[in-house]
C-alpha atoms as a PDB file:
ATOM      1  CA  MET A   1      -5.560 163.508 155.598  1.00  0.00           C
ATOM      2  CA  THR A   2      -6.897 167.017 155.766  1.00  0.00           C
ATOM      3  CA  ASP A   3      -5.337 170.432 155.507  1.00  0.00           C
ATOM      4  CA  LYS A   4      -5.972 170.931 159.231  1.00  0.00           C
ATOM      5  CA  LEU A   5      -3.495 168.268 160.311  1.00  0.00           C
ATOM      6  CA  PRO A   6      -0.136 169.409 161.670  1.00  0.00           C
ATOM      7  CA  TYR A   7       2.418 169.023 158.914  1.00  0.00           C
ATOM      8  CA  ALA A   8       6.062 169.308 158.016  1.00  0.00           C
ATOM      9  CA  GLU A   9       7.529 169.219 154.522  1.00  0.00           C
ATOM     10  CA  VAL A  10      10.630 169.218 152.391  1.00  0.00           C
ATOM     11  CA  ILE A  11      11.447 172.129 150.099  1.00  0.00           C
ATOM     12  CA  GLY A  12      13.787 172.328 147.147  1.00  0.00           C
ATOM     13  CA  ASP A  13      14.239 173.110 143.479  1.00  0.00           C
ATOM     14  CA  PRO A  14      13.749 170.518 141.995  1.00  0.00           C
ATOM     15  CA  ILE A  15      11.678 168.552 144.499  1.00  0.00           C
ATOM     16  CA  ALA A  16       9.586 166.020 142.530  1.00  0.00           C
ATOM     17  CA  HIS A  17      12.201 163.297 143.086  1.00  0.00           C
ATOM     18  CA  SER A  18      12.159 163.581 146.887  1.00  0.00           C
ATOM     19  CA  LYS A  19      11.425 160.420 148.845  1.00  0.00           C
ATOM     20  CA  SER A  20      11.193 162.240 152.182  1.00  0.00           C
ATOM     21  CA  PRO A  21       7.355 162.223 152.253  1.00  0.00           C
ATOM     22  CA  LEU A  22       7.323 158.436 151.853  1.00  0.00           C
ATOM     23  CA  ILE A  23       9.711 158.066 154.774  1.00  0.00           C
ATOM     24  CA  HIS A  24       8.014 160.419 157.216  1.00  0.00           C
ATOM     25  CA  ASN A  25       4.477 159.355 156.341  1.00  0.00           C
ATOM     26  CA  PHE A  26       5.495 155.692 156.746  1.00  0.00           C
ATOM     27  CA  TRP A  27       6.722 156.466 160.256  1.00  0.00           C
ATOM     28  CA  LEU A  28       3.687 158.608 161.102  1.00  0.00           C
ATOM     29  CA  GLN A  29       1.360 155.795 160.087  1.00  0.00           C
ATOM     30  CA  ALA A  30       3.431 153.192 161.929  1.00  0.00           C
ATOM     31  CA  LEU A  31       3.249 155.222 165.142  1.00  0.00           C
ATOM     32  CA  GLY A  32      -0.376 156.276 164.720  1.00  0.00           C
ATOM     33  CA  ILE A  33       0.487 159.980 164.762  1.00  0.00           C
ATOM     34  CA  GLU A  34      -2.137 162.226 163.171  1.00  0.00           C
ATOM     35  CA  ALA A  35       0.066 164.492 161.095  1.00  0.00           C
ATOM     36  CA  GLU A  36       1.474 164.549 157.576  1.00  0.00           C
ATOM     37  CA  TYR A  37       4.621 165.325 155.648  1.00  0.00           C
ATOM     38  CA  ARG A  38       4.626 166.936 152.208  1.00  0.00           C
ATOM     39  CA  LYS A  39       7.002 168.125 149.506  1.00  0.00           C
ATOM     40  CA  THR A  40       6.815 171.648 148.147  1.00  0.00           C
ATOM     41  CA  HIS A  41       8.600 173.182 145.193  1.00  0.00           C
ATOM     42  CA  VAL A  42      10.273 176.423 146.263  1.00  0.00           C
ATOM     43  CA  THR A  43      12.536 178.391 143.945  1.00  0.00           C
ATOM     44  CA  PRO A  44      15.378 180.573 145.228  1.00  0.00           C
ATOM     45  CA  GLU A  45      13.329 183.643 144.301  1.00  0.00           C
ATOM     46  CA  GLY A  46      10.370 182.354 146.298  1.00  0.00           C
ATOM     47  CA  LEU A  47      12.215 181.420 149.489  1.00  0.00           C
ATOM     48  CA  ALA A  48      11.441 184.604 151.435  1.00  0.00           C
ATOM     49  CA  ALA A  49       7.745 184.475 150.525  1.00  0.00           C
ATOM     50  CA  TYR A  50       7.621 180.792 151.461  1.00  0.00           C
ATOM     51  CA  PHE A  51       8.807 181.401 155.010  1.00  0.00           C
ATOM     52  CA  LEU A  52       6.578 184.441 155.397  1.00  0.00           C
ATOM     53  CA  THR A  53       3.529 182.370 154.446  1.00  0.00           C
ATOM     54  CA  ARG A  54       4.447 179.294 156.466  1.00  0.00           C
ATOM     55  CA  ARG A  55       5.181 181.211 159.656  1.00  0.00           C
ATOM     56  CA  ALA A  56       1.581 182.433 159.602  1.00  0.00           C
ATOM     57  CA  ASP A  57       0.249 178.855 159.379  1.00  0.00           C
ATOM     58  CA  PRO A  58      -0.377 177.401 162.867  1.00  0.00           C
ATOM     59  CA  ASP A  59      -0.338 173.844 161.502  1.00  0.00           C
ATOM     60  CA  TRP A  60       3.170 174.124 160.038  1.00  0.00           C
ATOM     61  CA  LEU A  61       5.828 172.337 162.103  1.00  0.00           C
ATOM     62  CA  GLY A  62       8.820 173.124 159.904  1.00  0.00           C
ATOM     63  CA  CYS A  63      10.658 171.856 156.864  1.00  0.00           C
ATOM     64  CA  ASN A  64      13.592 169.892 155.616  1.00  0.00           C
ATOM     65  CA  VAL A  65      15.714 171.673 153.057  1.00  0.00           C
ATOM     66  CA  THR A  66      17.389 170.256 149.979  1.00  0.00           C
ATOM     67  CA  ILE A  67      19.192 171.601 146.893  1.00  0.00           C
ATOM     68  CA  PRO A  68      19.741 174.528 146.413  1.00  0.00           C
ATOM     69  CA  HIS A  69      18.563 176.150 149.675  1.00  0.00           C
ATOM     70  CA  LYS A  70      20.748 174.708 152.447  1.00  0.00           C
ATOM     71  CA  ILE A  71      22.909 177.814 152.664  1.00  0.00           C
ATOM     72  CA  ALA A  72      20.305 180.463 151.855  1.00  0.00           C
ATOM     73  CA  VAL A  73      17.873 179.295 154.566  1.00  0.00           C
ATOM     74  CA  MET A  74      20.340 180.330 157.262  1.00  0.00           C
ATOM     75  CA  ASP A  75      19.169 183.906 156.703  1.00  0.00           C
ATOM     76  CA  TYR A  76      15.669 183.015 157.898  1.00  0.00           C
ATOM     77  CA  ALA A  77      16.297 180.978 161.051  1.00  0.00           C
ATOM     78  CA  ASP A  78      17.740 181.377 164.520  1.00  0.00           C
ATOM     79  CA  ASP A  79      20.888 179.369 165.115  1.00  0.00           C
ATOM     80  CA  PRO A  80      21.182 178.307 168.778  1.00  0.00           C
ATOM     81  CA  GLY A  81      23.529 175.454 167.915  1.00  0.00           C
ATOM     82  CA  ASP A  82      25.975 177.669 166.008  1.00  0.00           C
ATOM     83  CA  VAL A  83      25.374 175.653 162.846  1.00  0.00           C
ATOM     84  CA  ARG A  84      26.316 178.634 160.667  1.00  0.00           C
ATOM     85  CA  ASP A  85      29.882 178.706 161.961  1.00  0.00           C
ATOM     86  CA  ARG A  86      30.386 174.994 162.626  1.00  0.00           C
ATOM     87  CA  ILE A  87      28.850 173.607 159.408  1.00  0.00           C
ATOM     88  CA  GLY A  88      27.701 176.494 157.247  1.00  0.00           C
ATOM     89  CA  ALA A  89      24.467 174.883 156.052  1.00  0.00           C
ATOM     90  CA  MET A  90      21.059 174.006 157.470  1.00  0.00           C
ATOM     91  CA  ASN A  91      18.775 171.232 156.299  1.00  0.00           C
ATOM     92  CA  THR A  92      16.111 171.345 159.014  1.00  0.00           C
ATOM     93  CA  ILE A  93      14.021 174.350 160.072  1.00  0.00           C
ATOM     94  CA  ALA A  94      11.637 173.865 162.999  1.00  0.00           C
ATOM     95  CA  CYS A  95       8.794 176.139 164.037  1.00  0.00           C
ATOM     96  CA  GLU A  96       6.822 176.348 167.256  1.00  0.00           C
ATOM     97  CA  THR A  97       3.603 178.350 167.204  1.00  0.00           C
ATOM     98  CA  GLY A  98       4.364 181.942 168.081  1.00  0.00           C
ATOM     99  CA  GLY A  99       8.086 181.272 168.319  1.00  0.00           C
ATOM    100  CA  PRO A 100      11.063 181.821 166.052  1.00  0.00           C
ATOM    101  CA  LEU A 101      12.239 179.574 163.259  1.00  0.00           C
ATOM    102  CA  VAL A 102      15.104 177.429 164.532  1.00  0.00           C
ATOM    103  CA  GLY A 103      17.622 175.897 162.154  1.00  0.00           C
ATOM    104  CA  THR A 104      19.846 172.872 162.563  1.00  0.00           C
ATOM    105  CA  ASN A 105      21.574 170.239 160.452  1.00  0.00           C
ATOM    106  CA  THR A 106      20.684 166.557 160.596  1.00  0.00           C
ATOM    107  CA  ASP A 107      22.773 165.668 157.528  1.00  0.00           C
ATOM    108  CA  SER A 108      25.955 165.222 159.578  1.00  0.00           C
ATOM    109  CA  GLY A 109      24.442 162.715 161.969  1.00  0.00           C
ATOM    110  CA  GLY A 110      22.554 160.966 159.190  1.00  0.00           C
ATOM    111  CA  PHE A 111      25.725 160.671 157.131  1.00  0.00           C
ATOM    112  CA  LEU A 112      27.708 159.087 159.962  1.00  0.00           C
ATOM    113  CA  GLN A 113      25.128 156.487 160.973  1.00  0.00           C
ATOM    114  CA  PRO A 114      25.985 153.825 158.350  1.00  0.00           C
ATOM    115  CA  LEU A 115      29.739 154.344 158.839  1.00  0.00           C
ATOM    116  CA  MET A 116      29.326 153.827 162.577  1.00  0.00           C
ATOM    117  CA  ARG A 117      27.059 150.830 161.943  1.00  0.00           C
ATOM    118  CA  ASP A 118      29.713 149.264 159.710  1.00  0.00           C
ATOM    119  CA  LYS A 119      32.478 150.212 162.188  1.00  0.00           C
ATOM    120  CA  TRP A 120      34.405 152.011 159.466  1.00  0.00           C
ATOM    121  CA  GLN A 121      37.915 152.866 160.694  1.00  0.00           C
ATOM    122  CA  GLY A 122      39.631 154.368 157.647  1.00  0.00           C
ATOM    123  CA  LYS A 123      42.248 157.103 157.791  1.00  0.00           C
ATOM    124  CA  SER A 124      41.677 158.924 154.505  1.00  0.00           C
ATOM    125  CA  ALA A 125      38.638 160.215 152.641  1.00  0.00           C
ATOM    126  CA  VAL A 126      37.877 161.949 149.360  1.00  0.00           C
ATOM    127  CA  LEU A 127      34.826 164.221 149.288  1.00  0.00           C
ATOM    128  CA  ILE A 128      33.358 165.185 145.910  1.00  0.00           C
ATOM    129  CA  GLY A 129      31.494 168.484 145.915  1.00  0.00           C
ATOM    130  CA  ALA A 130      31.605 171.721 147.896  1.00  0.00           C
ATOM    131  CA  GLY A 131      27.934 172.605 148.373  1.00  0.00           C
ATOM    132  CA  GLY A 132      25.583 172.507 151.324  1.00  0.00           C
ATOM    133  CA  ALA A 133      25.661 168.726 151.762  1.00  0.00           C
ATOM    134  CA  ALA A 134      29.466 168.724 151.535  1.00  0.00           C
ATOM    135  CA  ARG A 135      29.662 171.161 154.441  1.00  0.00           C
ATOM    136  CA  ALA A 136      27.749 168.809 156.712  1.00  0.00           C
ATOM    137  CA  ILE A 137      29.701 165.769 155.540  1.00  0.00           C
ATOM    138  CA  LEU A 138      33.102 167.413 155.980  1.00  0.00           C
ATOM    139  CA  PHE A 139      32.078 168.445 159.492  1.00  0.00           C
ATOM    140  CA  ALA A 140      31.020 164.840 160.155  1.00  0.00           C
ATOM    141  CA  LEU A 141      34.286 163.394 158.811  1.00  0.00           C
ATOM    142  CA  ALA A 142      36.341 165.816 160.887  1.00  0.00           C
ATOM    143  CA  SER A 143      34.257 165.012 163.980  1.00  0.00           C
ATOM    144  CA  TYR A 144      34.782 161.304 163.314  1.00  0.00           C
ATOM    145  CA  GLY A 145      38.531 161.897 163.432  1.00  0.00           C
ATOM    146  CA  VAL A 146      39.455 161.201 159.799  1.00  0.00           C
ATOM    147  CA  PRO A 147      42.970 162.724 159.570  1.00  0.00           C
ATOM    148  CA  ASN A 148      43.441 162.891 155.787  1.00  0.00           C
ATOM    149  CA  ILE A 149      40.679 164.517 153.729  1.00  0.00           C
ATOM    150  CA  THR A 150      40.727 165.615 150.090  1.00  0.00           C
ATOM    151  CA  VAL A 151      37.993 167.753 148.532  1.00  0.00           C
ATOM    152  CA  MET A 152      37.403 167.458 144.785  1.00  0.00           C
ATOM    153  CA  ALA A 153      35.332 170.280 143.305  1.00  0.00           C
ATOM    154  CA  ARG A 154      34.943 172.428 140.214  1.00  0.00           C
ATOM    155  CA  ASP A 155      35.658 175.575 142.226  1.00  0.00           C
ATOM    156  CA  ALA A 156      38.933 175.446 144.178  1.00  0.00           C
ATOM    157  CA  ALA A 157      38.027 178.592 146.137  1.00  0.00           C
ATOM    158  CA  LYS A 158      34.775 177.013 147.369  1.00  0.00           C
ATOM    159  CA  ALA A 159      36.667 173.860 148.313  1.00  0.00           C
ATOM    160  CA  GLN A 160      39.215 175.889 150.286  1.00  0.00           C
ATOM    161  CA  ALA A 161      36.455 177.813 152.042  1.00  0.00           C
ATOM    162  CA  LEU A 162      34.862 174.484 152.931  1.00  0.00           C
ATOM    163  CA  LEU A 163      38.077 173.258 154.539  1.00  0.00           C
ATOM    164  CA  ASP A 164      38.707 176.565 156.302  1.00  0.00           C
ATOM    165  CA  ARG A 165      35.231 176.613 157.848  1.00  0.00           C
ATOM    166  CA  ALA A 166      35.683 173.096 159.192  1.00  0.00           C
ATOM    167  CA  GLY A 167      39.188 173.857 160.427  1.00  0.00           C
ATOM    168  CA  VAL A 168      40.564 171.026 158.315  1.00  0.00           C
ATOM    169  CA  LYS A 169      43.990 171.168 156.632  1.00  0.00           C
ATOM    170  CA  GLY A 170      42.982 169.020 153.717  1.00  0.00           C
ATOM    171  CA  ASN A 171      43.927 168.764 150.058  1.00  0.00           C
ATOM    172  CA  ILE A 172      42.087 170.217 147.062  1.00  0.00           C
ATOM    173  CA  LEU A 173      41.753 168.657 143.617  1.00  0.00           C
ATOM    174  CA  SER A 174      39.632 169.439 140.584  1.00  0.00           C
ATOM    175  CA  LEU A 175      37.039 167.008 139.283  1.00  0.00           C
ATOM    176  CA  THR A 176      39.308 166.260 136.317  1.00  0.00           C
ATOM    177  CA  ASP A 177      42.235 165.187 138.509  1.00  0.00           C
ATOM    178  CA  PRO A 178      42.787 161.481 139.194  1.00  0.00           C
ATOM    179  CA  LEU A 179      41.572 160.172 142.526  1.00  0.00           C
ATOM    180  CA  PRO A 180      44.158 159.879 145.283  1.00  0.00           C
ATOM    181  CA  THR A 181      44.513 156.708 147.295  1.00  0.00           C
ATOM    182  CA  ALA A 182      41.803 156.704 149.963  1.00  0.00           C
ATOM    183  CA  ASP A 183      39.795 154.491 152.299  1.00  0.00           C
ATOM    184  CA  LEU A 184      36.522 156.339 151.667  1.00  0.00           C
ATOM    185  CA  LEU A 185      35.076 158.103 148.629  1.00  0.00           C
ATOM    186  CA  VAL A 186      31.973 160.232 149.167  1.00  0.00           C
ATOM    187  CA  ASN A 187      29.928 161.868 146.427  1.00  0.00           C
ATOM    188  CA  SER A 188      28.075 164.821 147.952  1.00  0.00           C
ATOM    189  CA  SER A 189      27.399 166.470 144.599  1.00  0.00           C
ATOM    190  CA  PRO A 190      24.298 166.051 142.396  1.00  0.00           C
ATOM    191  CA  LEU A 191      26.459 164.414 139.708  1.00  0.00           C
ATOM    192  CA  GLY A 192      24.957 161.064 138.822  1.00  0.00           C
ATOM    193  CA  MET A 193      21.461 162.097 139.889  1.00  0.00           C
ATOM    194  CA  THR A 194      18.632 161.598 137.429  1.00  0.00           C
ATOM    195  CA  GLY A 195      18.693 164.563 135.073  1.00  0.00           C
ATOM    196  CA  GLN A 196      22.254 165.543 135.997  1.00  0.00           C
ATOM    197  CA  SER A 197      25.586 164.810 134.357  1.00  0.00           C
ATOM    198  CA  PRO A 198      27.161 161.463 135.245  1.00  0.00           C
ATOM    199  CA  LEU A 199      30.085 161.174 137.625  1.00  0.00           C
ATOM    200  CA  ASP A 200      32.781 159.307 135.737  1.00  0.00           C
ATOM    201  CA  LEU A 201      35.796 158.443 137.866  1.00  0.00           C
ATOM    202  CA  ASP A 202      38.620 155.934 137.645  1.00  0.00           C
ATOM    203  CA  LEU A 203      38.348 154.140 140.975  1.00  0.00           C
ATOM    204  CA  SER A 204      41.570 152.141 140.629  1.00  0.00           C
ATOM    205  CA  PRO A 205      43.560 154.405 143.025  1.00  0.00           C
ATOM    206  CA  LEU A 206      41.221 153.501 145.904  1.00  0.00           C
ATOM    207  CA  SER A 207      42.424 150.892 148.355  1.00  0.00           C
ATOM    208  CA  ALA A 208      41.049 147.370 147.961  1.00  0.00           C
ATOM    209  CA  THR A 209      39.180 147.777 151.265  1.00  0.00           C
ATOM    210  CA  ALA A 210      37.762 151.218 150.447  1.00  0.00           C
ATOM    211  CA  THR A 211      34.136 152.186 150.882  1.00  0.00           C
ATOM    212  CA  VAL A 212      32.287 154.223 148.231  1.00  0.00           C
ATOM    213  CA  TYR A 213      29.397 156.299 149.589  1.00  0.00           C
ATOM    214  CA  ASP A 214      27.046 158.117 147.206  1.00  0.00           C
ATOM    215  CA  ILE A 215      24.409 160.336 148.817  1.00  0.00           C
ATOM    216  CA  VAL A 216      22.436 160.473 145.545  1.00  0.00           C
ATOM    217  CA  TYR A 217      19.338 158.267 145.822  1.00  0.00           C
ATOM    218  CA  ALA A 218      17.615 158.858 142.484  1.00  0.00           C
ATOM    219  CA  PRO A 219      18.673 156.507 140.983  1.00  0.00           C
ATOM    220  CA  LEU A 220      19.528 154.378 143.986  1.00  0.00           C
ATOM    221  CA  GLU A 221      22.268 152.499 142.168  1.00  0.00           C
ATOM    222  CA  THR A 222      24.275 155.284 140.602  1.00  0.00           C
ATOM    223  CA  GLY A 223      26.998 154.777 138.046  1.00  0.00           C
ATOM    224  CA  LEU A 224      29.555 155.423 140.794  1.00  0.00           C
ATOM    225  CA  LEU A 225      28.152 152.680 143.030  1.00  0.00           C
ATOM    226  CA  ALA A 226      27.902 150.263 140.103  1.00  0.00           C
ATOM    227  CA  ALA A 227      31.556 150.882 139.257  1.00  0.00           C
ATOM    228  CA  ALA A 228      32.542 150.371 142.905  1.00  0.00           C
ATOM    229  CA  GLN A 229      30.604 147.123 143.144  1.00  0.00           C
ATOM    230  CA  ALA A 230      32.268 145.912 139.943  1.00  0.00           C
ATOM    231  CA  ARG A 231      35.609 146.365 141.721  1.00  0.00           C
ATOM    232  CA  GLY A 232      34.367 144.507 144.785  1.00  0.00           C
ATOM    233  CA  LEU A 233      34.391 147.592 146.995  1.00  0.00           C
ATOM    234  CA  ALA A 234      32.004 148.150 149.890  1.00  0.00           C
ATOM    235  CA  THR A 235      29.245 150.628 149.051  1.00  0.00           C
ATOM    236  CA  ILE A 236      26.740 152.781 150.909  1.00  0.00           C
ATOM    237  CA  ASP A 237      23.800 154.164 148.970  1.00  0.00           C
ATOM    238  CA  GLY A 238      21.899 157.413 149.369  1.00  0.00           C
ATOM    239  CA  LEU A 239      18.991 155.858 151.255  1.00  0.00           C
ATOM    240  CA  ASP A 240      21.187 155.210 154.289  1.00  0.00           C
ATOM    241  CA  MET A 241      21.928 158.886 154.790  1.00  0.00           C
ATOM    242  CA  LEU A 242      18.439 159.934 153.724  1.00  0.00           C
ATOM    243  CA  ILE A 243      16.768 157.699 156.293  1.00  0.00           C
ATOM    244  CA  GLY A 244      19.299 158.573 158.978  1.00  0.00           C
ATOM    245  CA  GLN A 245      18.920 162.323 158.671  1.00  0.00           C
ATOM    246  CA  ALA A 246      15.147 161.960 158.305  1.00  0.00           C
ATOM    247  CA  ALA A 247      14.948 160.089 161.609  1.00  0.00           C
ATOM    248  CA  LEU A 248      16.681 162.949 163.408  1.00  0.00           C
ATOM    249  CA  ALA A 249      14.366 165.494 161.760  1.00  0.00           C
ATOM    250  CA  PHE A 250      11.295 163.351 162.516  1.00  0.00           C
ATOM    251  CA  ASP A 251      12.039 163.610 166.228  1.00  0.00           C
ATOM    252  CA  ILE A 252      12.333 167.392 165.911  1.00  0.00           C
ATOM    253  CA  PHE A 253       9.089 167.857 163.973  1.00  0.00           C
ATOM    254  CA  PHE A 254       6.841 165.274 165.582  1.00  0.00           C
ATOM    255  CA  ASP A 255       8.451 164.783 169.019  1.00  0.00           C
ATOM    256  CA  ALA A 256       8.704 161.022 168.506  1.00  0.00           C
ATOM    257  CA  GLN A 257      11.474 158.574 167.659  1.00  0.00           C
ATOM    258  CA  ALA A 258      11.278 156.984 164.239  1.00  0.00           C
ATOM    259  CA  PRO A 259      10.648 153.202 164.367  1.00  0.00           C
ATOM    260  CA  ARG A 260      14.043 152.234 162.937  1.00  0.00           C
ATOM    261  CA  GLU A 261      13.348 148.553 163.585  1.00  0.00           C
ATOM    262  CA  ARG A 262      11.219 148.781 160.426  1.00  0.00           C
ATOM    263  CA  ASP A 263      14.055 150.053 158.197  1.00  0.00           C
ATOM    264  CA  GLU A 264      14.012 146.948 156.009  1.00  0.00           C
ATOM    265  CA  GLU A 265      10.317 147.409 155.288  1.00  0.00           C
ATOM    266  CA  LEU A 266      10.885 151.112 154.640  1.00  0.00           C
ATOM    267  CA  ARG A 267      13.720 150.482 152.182  1.00  0.00           C
ATOM    268  CA  ALA A 268      11.526 148.013 150.297  1.00  0.00           C
ATOM    269  CA  LEU A 269       8.851 150.697 150.019  1.00  0.00           C
ATOM    270  CA  LEU A 270      11.343 153.301 148.829  1.00  0.00           C
ATOM    271  CA  THR A 271      12.911 151.070 146.193  1.00  0.00           C
ATOM    272  CA  ALA A 272       9.519 149.987 144.831  1.00  0.00           C
ATOM    273  CA  VAL A 273       8.612 153.466 143.572  1.00  0.00           C
END
């Protein structure tokens, strides 16, 4: 690989843990596409300078966006899909030479893919967190037709704003409240991630057929998923959403469909590092 290849990347703070380059570069190699995908550490203070520099680079195709930039990046991109109003967070910024930056959100579609694959048909969900990822997930849950949604967050005002933006008349609980009965529990917060505080919850209120979905993927088996498996509950790990949203972004950046028939091989690669 050389610096002259077209490239996309993922930005965040922190970013060292990101597995996105492994995913995209696996697909690029599988398809024989001469391009690359990187990860770049960008602080909140450096976000404006980052976009100024990248827009001047003709080889830059765009970036994926992770914590803590999913809301802030909306100030730097055009929004033809009305993502700002519908979701309130962007995780993918695309760039065509000489054109504007265009923002979208592939987290919603990536989040839903494993639920659709498993034909999940629950009626109630609990969403932990009220940040950028939570916005996309709440939008996805509402779009999927889940009628009963509870948001658990440290900040009740942020949780209410999350519900209001999505047009959902849900419930709000603090992280210290007991879980309500639900068919789906989703952790969209960084709690449980390597280097973060653990997410300790009593899962006994969940239904016996509930699914526990943790979007954290470092570590892949979080304490939450381990506790769910100990109760015999169905689980979905963070790689499912990560790969799903990456596939949608891959098409945007490289104008090619990811070879999803090689998902098993890709997961083996991701869990080996």
